[in-house]
Amino acid sequence: MSSRGWQLRVQDILQAISSIQERTAGITFEEFAADEMLFDSILYKLGHIIYVETLHATSLQWCRKS
């Protein structure tokens, strides 16, 4: 299981969400979709959130089987 506590995982997720909100504030969807660098950075942040939670869920399943 991950050595990081759940509080740190939640903090990572909240930081990623905050970053996404800051980067997309005040722009339209069309502007967002047209900005490849911004689009890629947001996908990276979303991927990080999904990875952190998938890793945690997998760790929990492994611990329950043990």
PDB file of N, CA and C in Angstrom:
ATOM      1  N   MET A   1       0.847  -1.184   0.000  1.00  0.00           N
ATOM      2  CA  MET A   1       0.000   0.000   0.000  1.00  0.00           C
ATOM      3  C   MET A   1       0.886   1.238   0.000  1.00  0.00           C
ATOM      4  N   SER A   2       0.382   2.302  -0.536  1.00  0.00           N
ATOM      5  CA  SER A   2       1.110   3.560  -0.596  1.00  0.00           C
ATOM      6  C   SER A   2       1.459   4.036   0.804  1.00  0.00           C
ATOM      7  N   SER A   3       2.675   4.555   0.953  1.00  0.00           N
ATOM      8  CA  SER A   3       3.093   5.054   2.254  1.00  0.00           C
ATOM      9  C   SER A   3       2.495   6.430   2.561  1.00  0.00           C
ATOM     10  N   ARG A   4       1.874   7.033   1.592  1.00  0.00           N
ATOM     11  CA  ARG A   4       1.266   8.346   1.805  1.00  0.00           C
ATOM     12  C   ARG A   4      -0.106   8.186   2.420  1.00  0.00           C
ATOM     13  N   GLY A   5      -0.394   8.995   3.396  1.00  0.00           N
ATOM     14  CA  GLY A   5      -1.689   8.944   4.058  1.00  0.00           C
ATOM     15  C   GLY A   5      -2.791   9.497   3.175  1.00  0.00           C
ATOM     16  N   TRP A   6      -4.009   9.185   3.557  1.00  0.00           N
ATOM     17  CA  TRP A   6      -5.147   9.635   2.754  1.00  0.00           C
ATOM     18  C   TRP A   6      -5.236  11.152   2.735  1.00  0.00           C
ATOM     19  N   GLN A   7      -4.796  11.813   3.814  1.00  0.00           N
ATOM     20  CA  GLN A   7      -4.850  13.275   3.846  1.00  0.00           C
ATOM     21  C   GLN A   7      -3.965  13.882   2.755  1.00  0.00           C
ATOM     22  N   LEU A   8      -2.802  13.284   2.534  1.00  0.00           N
ATOM     23  CA  LEU A   8      -1.912  13.795   1.491  1.00  0.00           C
ATOM     24  C   LEU A   8      -2.472  13.526   0.102  1.00  0.00           C
ATOM     25  N   ARG A   9      -3.127  12.387  -0.076  1.00  0.00           N
ATOM     26  CA  ARG A   9      -3.756  12.105  -1.370  1.00  0.00           C
ATOM     27  C   ARG A   9      -4.876  13.097  -1.661  1.00  0.00           C
ATOM     28  N   VAL A  10      -5.677  13.386  -0.642  1.00  0.00           N
ATOM     29  CA  VAL A  10      -6.757  14.367  -0.813  1.00  0.00           C
ATOM     30  C   VAL A  10      -6.158  15.745  -1.104  1.00  0.00           C
ATOM     31  N   GLN A  11      -5.074  16.085  -0.434  1.00  0.00           N
ATOM     32  CA  GLN A  11      -4.415  17.369  -0.681  1.00  0.00           C
ATOM     33  C   GLN A  11      -3.908  17.443  -2.126  1.00  0.00           C
ATOM     34  N   ASP A  12      -3.333  16.355  -2.633  1.00  0.00           N
ATOM     35  CA  ASP A  12      -2.877  16.319  -4.038  1.00  0.00           C
ATOM     36  C   ASP A  12      -4.041  16.571  -4.992  1.00  0.00           C
ATOM     37  N   ILE A  13      -5.159  15.919  -4.717  1.00  0.00           N
ATOM     38  CA  ILE A  13      -6.337  16.066  -5.580  1.00  0.00           C
ATOM     39  C   ILE A  13      -6.855  17.495  -5.538  1.00  0.00           C
ATOM     40  N   LEU A  14      -6.943  18.068  -4.349  1.00  0.00           N
ATOM     41  CA  LEU A  14      -7.425  19.446  -4.221  1.00  0.00           C
ATOM     42  C   LEU A  14      -6.489  20.436  -4.913  1.00  0.00           C
ATOM     43  N   GLN A  15      -5.193  20.192  -4.826  1.00  0.00           N
ATOM     44  CA  GLN A  15      -4.237  21.063  -5.512  1.00  0.00           C
ATOM     45  C   GLN A  15      -4.398  20.963  -7.028  1.00  0.00           C
ATOM     46  N   ALA A  16      -4.615  19.753  -7.513  1.00  0.00           N
ATOM     47  CA  ALA A  16      -4.824  19.578  -8.958  1.00  0.00           C
ATOM     48  C   ALA A  16      -6.091  20.284  -9.406  1.00  0.00           C
ATOM     49  N   ILE A  17      -7.151  20.154  -8.629  1.00  0.00           N
ATOM     50  CA  ILE A  17      -8.412  20.837  -8.955  1.00  0.00           C
ATOM     51  C   ILE A  17      -8.225  22.345  -8.961  1.00  0.00           C
ATOM     52  N   SER A  18      -7.540  22.861  -7.960  1.00  0.00           N
ATOM     53  CA  SER A  18      -7.288  24.300  -7.873  1.00  0.00           C
ATOM     54  C   SER A  18      -6.487  24.785  -9.089  1.00  0.00           C
ATOM     55  N   SER A  19      -5.490  24.016  -9.478  1.00  0.00           N
ATOM     56  CA  SER A  19      -4.684  24.373 -10.640  1.00  0.00           C
ATOM     57  C   SER A  19      -5.537  24.408 -11.908  1.00  0.00           C
ATOM     58  N   ILE A  20      -6.407  23.417 -12.058  1.00  0.00           N
ATOM     59  CA  ILE A  20      -7.299  23.376 -13.225  1.00  0.00           C
ATOM     60  C   ILE A  20      -8.211  24.593 -13.230  1.00  0.00           C
ATOM     61  N   GLN A  21      -8.768  24.933 -12.071  1.00  0.00           N
ATOM     62  CA  GLN A  21      -9.661  26.092 -11.990  1.00  0.00           C
ATOM     63  C   GLN A  21      -8.926  27.380 -12.343  1.00  0.00           C
ATOM     64  N   GLU A  22      -7.701  27.536 -11.831  1.00  0.00           N
ATOM     65  CA  GLU A  22      -6.926  28.740 -12.115  1.00  0.00           C
ATOM     66  C   GLU A  22      -6.584  28.854 -13.601  1.00  0.00           C
ATOM     67  N   ARG A  23      -6.213  27.738 -14.203  1.00  0.00           N
ATOM     68  CA  ARG A  23      -5.796  27.750 -15.608  1.00  0.00           C
ATOM     69  C   ARG A  23      -6.952  27.957 -16.575  1.00  0.00           C
ATOM     70  N   THR A  24      -8.164  27.620 -16.141  1.00  0.00           N
ATOM     71  CA  THR A  24      -9.307  27.720 -17.055  1.00  0.00           C
ATOM     72  C   THR A  24     -10.249  28.880 -16.715  1.00  0.00           C
ATOM     73  N   ALA A  25      -9.940  29.623 -15.688  1.00  0.00           N
ATOM     74  CA  ALA A  25     -10.803  30.746 -15.292  1.00  0.00           C
ATOM     75  C   ALA A  25     -10.834  31.809 -16.386  1.00  0.00           C
ATOM     76  N   GLY A  26     -12.027  32.235 -16.716  1.00  0.00           N
ATOM     77  CA  GLY A  26     -12.187  33.351 -17.639  1.00  0.00           C
ATOM     78  C   GLY A  26     -12.015  33.028 -19.110  1.00  0.00           C
ATOM     79  N   ILE A  27     -11.943  31.756 -19.465  1.00  0.00           N
ATOM     80  CA  ILE A  27     -11.843  31.426 -20.886  1.00  0.00           C
ATOM     81  C   ILE A  27     -13.058  30.598 -21.303  1.00  0.00           C
ATOM     82  N   THR A  28     -13.358  30.670 -22.564  1.00  0.00           N
ATOM     83  CA  THR A  28     -14.475  29.891 -23.096  1.00  0.00           C
ATOM     84  C   THR A  28     -13.991  28.474 -23.420  1.00  0.00           C
ATOM     85  N   PHE A  29     -14.944  27.602 -23.652  1.00  0.00           N
ATOM     86  CA  PHE A  29     -14.581  26.245 -24.045  1.00  0.00           C
ATOM     87  C   PHE A  29     -13.828  26.263 -25.367  1.00  0.00           C
ATOM     88  N   GLU A  30     -14.247  27.111 -26.278  1.00  0.00           N
ATOM     89  CA  GLU A  30     -13.596  27.194 -27.579  1.00  0.00           C
ATOM     90  C   GLU A  30     -12.135  27.619 -27.421  1.00  0.00           C
ATOM     91  N   GLU A  31     -11.875  28.603 -26.555  1.00  0.00           N
ATOM     92  CA  GLU A  31     -10.499  29.034 -26.289  1.00  0.00           C
ATOM     93  C   GLU A  31      -9.687  27.897 -25.668  1.00  0.00           C
ATOM     94  N   PHE A  32     -10.314  27.205 -24.726  1.00  0.00           N
ATOM     95  CA  PHE A  32      -9.658  26.076 -24.074  1.00  0.00           C
ATOM     96  C   PHE A  32      -9.300  24.997 -25.094  1.00  0.00           C
ATOM     97  N   ALA A  33     -10.254  24.627 -25.929  1.00  0.00           N
ATOM     98  CA  ALA A  33     -10.042  23.567 -26.909  1.00  0.00           C
ATOM     99  C   ALA A  33      -8.995  23.947 -27.951  1.00  0.00           C
ATOM    100  N   ALA A  34      -8.874  25.239 -28.247  1.00  0.00           N
ATOM    101  CA  ALA A  34      -7.923  25.700 -29.256  1.00  0.00           C
ATOM    102  C   ALA A  34      -6.498  25.826 -28.716  1.00  0.00           C
ATOM    103  N   ASP A  35      -6.336  25.862 -27.404  1.00  0.00           N
ATOM    104  CA  ASP A  35      -5.018  26.027 -26.780  1.00  0.00           C
ATOM    105  C   ASP A  35      -4.454  24.650 -26.423  1.00  0.00           C
ATOM    106  N   GLU A  36      -3.656  24.096 -27.328  1.00  0.00           N
ATOM    107  CA  GLU A  36      -3.166  22.731 -27.155  1.00  0.00           C
ATOM    108  C   GLU A  36      -2.345  22.550 -25.876  1.00  0.00           C
ATOM    109  N   MET A  37      -1.522  23.524 -25.546  1.00  0.00           N
ATOM    110  CA  MET A  37      -0.693  23.403 -24.343  1.00  0.00           C
ATOM    111  C   MET A  37      -1.567  23.401 -23.085  1.00  0.00           C
ATOM    112  N   LEU A  38      -2.550  24.269 -23.029  1.00  0.00           N
ATOM    113  CA  LEU A  38      -3.457  24.312 -21.887  1.00  0.00           C
ATOM    114  C   LEU A  38      -4.271  23.027 -21.809  1.00  0.00           C
ATOM    115  N   PHE A  39      -4.791  22.605 -22.942  1.00  0.00           N
ATOM    116  CA  PHE A  39      -5.582  21.373 -23.008  1.00  0.00           C
ATOM    117  C   PHE A  39      -4.764  20.191 -22.494  1.00  0.00           C
ATOM    118  N   ASP A  40      -3.525  20.073 -22.948  1.00  0.00           N
ATOM    119  CA  ASP A  40      -2.661  18.977 -22.509  1.00  0.00           C
ATOM    120  C   ASP A  40      -2.350  19.057 -21.020  1.00  0.00           C
ATOM    121  N   SER A  41      -2.125  20.258 -20.509  1.00  0.00           N
ATOM    122  CA  SER A  41      -1.814  20.391 -19.086  1.00  0.00           C
ATOM    123  C   SER A  41      -3.010  20.015 -18.217  1.00  0.00           C
ATOM    124  N   ILE A  42      -4.203  20.335 -18.664  1.00  0.00           N
ATOM    125  CA  ILE A  42      -5.407  19.963 -17.914  1.00  0.00           C
ATOM    126  C   ILE A  42      -5.607  18.457 -17.959  1.00  0.00           C
ATOM    127  N   LEU A  43      -5.398  17.849 -19.112  1.00  0.00           N
ATOM    128  CA  LEU A  43      -5.497  16.397 -19.201  1.00  0.00           C
ATOM    129  C   LEU A  43      -4.485  15.724 -18.281  1.00  0.00           C
ATOM    130  N   TYR A  44      -3.286  16.291 -18.192  1.00  0.00           N
ATOM    131  CA  TYR A  44      -2.264  15.750 -17.297  1.00  0.00           C
ATOM    132  C   TYR A  44      -2.743  15.811 -15.842  1.00  0.00           C
ATOM    133  N   LYS A  45      -3.302  16.947 -15.441  1.00  0.00           N
ATOM    134  CA  LYS A  45      -3.796  17.096 -14.064  1.00  0.00           C
ATOM    135  C   LYS A  45      -4.932  16.112 -13.785  1.00  0.00           C
ATOM    136  N   LEU A  46      -5.855  15.969 -14.723  1.00  0.00           N
ATOM    137  CA  LEU A  46      -6.950  15.015 -14.546  1.00  0.00           C
ATOM    138  C   LEU A  46      -6.416  13.590 -14.472  1.00  0.00           C
ATOM    139  N   GLY A  47      -5.438  13.296 -15.295  1.00  0.00           N
ATOM    140  CA  GLY A  47      -4.809  11.979 -15.247  1.00  0.00           C
ATOM    141  C   GLY A  47      -4.163  11.715 -13.907  1.00  0.00           C
ATOM    142  N   HIS A  48      -3.553  12.728 -13.321  1.00  0.00           N
ATOM    143  CA  HIS A  48      -2.932  12.596 -12.004  1.00  0.00           C
ATOM    144  C   HIS A  48      -3.985  12.260 -10.948  1.00  0.00           C
ATOM    145  N   ILE A  49      -5.111  12.944 -10.997  1.00  0.00           N
ATOM    146  CA  ILE A  49      -6.190  12.675 -10.044  1.00  0.00           C
ATOM    147  C   ILE A  49      -6.653  11.228 -10.183  1.00  0.00           C
ATOM    148  N   ILE A  50      -6.873  10.802 -11.401  1.00  0.00           N
ATOM    149  CA  ILE A  50      -7.342   9.431 -11.644  1.00  0.00           C
ATOM    150  C   ILE A  50      -6.294   8.426 -11.196  1.00  0.00           C
ATOM    151  N   TYR A  51      -5.028   8.695 -11.480  1.00  0.00           N
ATOM    152  CA  TYR A  51      -3.950   7.786 -11.084  1.00  0.00           C
ATOM    153  C   TYR A  51      -3.879   7.642  -9.566  1.00  0.00           C
ATOM    154  N   VAL A  52      -3.929   8.755  -8.857  1.00  0.00           N
ATOM    155  CA  VAL A  52      -3.841   8.726  -7.394  1.00  0.00           C
ATOM    156  C   VAL A  52      -4.979   7.889  -6.817  1.00  0.00           C
ATOM    157  N   GLU A  53      -6.173   8.090  -7.304  1.00  0.00           N
ATOM    158  CA  GLU A  53      -7.323   7.352  -6.775  1.00  0.00           C
ATOM    159  C   GLU A  53      -7.320   5.888  -7.198  1.00  0.00           C
ATOM    160  N   THR A  54      -6.862   5.604  -8.409  1.00  0.00           N
ATOM    161  CA  THR A  54      -6.780   4.219  -8.859  1.00  0.00           C
ATOM    162  C   THR A  54      -5.739   3.460  -8.043  1.00  0.00           C
ATOM    163  N   LEU A  55      -4.603   4.094  -7.802  1.00  0.00           N
ATOM    164  CA  LEU A  55      -3.558   3.485  -6.990  1.00  0.00           C
ATOM    165  C   LEU A  55      -4.075   3.203  -5.587  1.00  0.00           C
ATOM    166  N   HIS A  56      -4.785   4.146  -5.024  1.00  0.00           N
ATOM    167  CA  HIS A  56      -5.333   3.977  -3.678  1.00  0.00           C
ATOM    168  C   HIS A  56      -6.363   2.847  -3.656  1.00  0.00           C
ATOM    169  N   ALA A  57      -7.261   2.821  -4.608  1.00  0.00           N
ATOM    170  CA  ALA A  57      -8.298   1.785  -4.643  1.00  0.00           C
ATOM    171  C   ALA A  57      -7.672   0.403  -4.819  1.00  0.00           C
ATOM    172  N   THR A  58      -6.656   0.298  -5.665  1.00  0.00           N
ATOM    173  CA  THR A  58      -5.971  -0.973  -5.869  1.00  0.00           C
ATOM    174  C   THR A  58      -5.283  -1.416  -4.590  1.00  0.00           C
ATOM    175  N   SER A  59      -4.670  -0.482  -3.882  1.00  0.00           N
ATOM    176  CA  SER A  59      -4.002  -0.800  -2.622  1.00  0.00           C
ATOM    177  C   SER A  59      -4.995  -1.305  -1.589  1.00  0.00           C
ATOM    178  N   LEU A  60      -6.158  -0.684  -1.531  1.00  0.00           N
ATOM    179  CA  LEU A  60      -7.183  -1.123  -0.584  1.00  0.00           C
ATOM    180  C   LEU A  60      -7.660  -2.527  -0.907  1.00  0.00           C
ATOM    181  N   GLN A  61      -7.866  -2.821  -2.177  1.00  0.00           N
ATOM    182  CA  GLN A  61      -8.309  -4.148  -2.578  1.00  0.00           C
ATOM    183  C   GLN A  61      -7.263  -5.189  -2.222  1.00  0.00           C
ATOM    184  N   TRP A  62      -5.995  -4.878  -2.425  1.00  0.00           N
ATOM    185  CA  TRP A  62      -4.915  -5.792  -2.119  1.00  0.00           C
ATOM    186  C   TRP A  62      -4.856  -6.067  -0.621  1.00  0.00           C
ATOM    187  N   CYS A  63      -5.019  -5.021   0.185  1.00  0.00           N
ATOM    188  CA  CYS A  63      -4.974  -5.172   1.652  1.00  0.00           C
ATOM    189  C   CYS A  63      -6.145  -6.017   2.153  1.00  0.00           C
ATOM    190  N   ARG A  64      -7.296  -5.847   1.555  1.00  0.00           N
ATOM    191  CA  ARG A  64      -8.468  -6.613   1.991  1.00  0.00           C
ATOM    192  C   ARG A  64      -8.338  -8.084   1.671  1.00  0.00           C
ATOM    193  N   LYS A  65      -7.608  -8.408   0.606  1.00  0.00           N
ATOM    194  CA  LYS A  65      -7.413  -9.810   0.225  1.00  0.00           C
ATOM    195  C   LYS A  65      -6.394 -10.489   1.123  1.00  0.00           C
ATOM    196  N   SER A  66      -5.493  -9.717   1.706  1.00  0.00           N
ATOM    197  CA  SER A  66      -4.429 -10.278   2.546  1.00  0.00           C
ATOM    198  C   SER A  66      -4.925 -10.695   3.901  1.00  0.00           C
TER     199      SER A  66
END
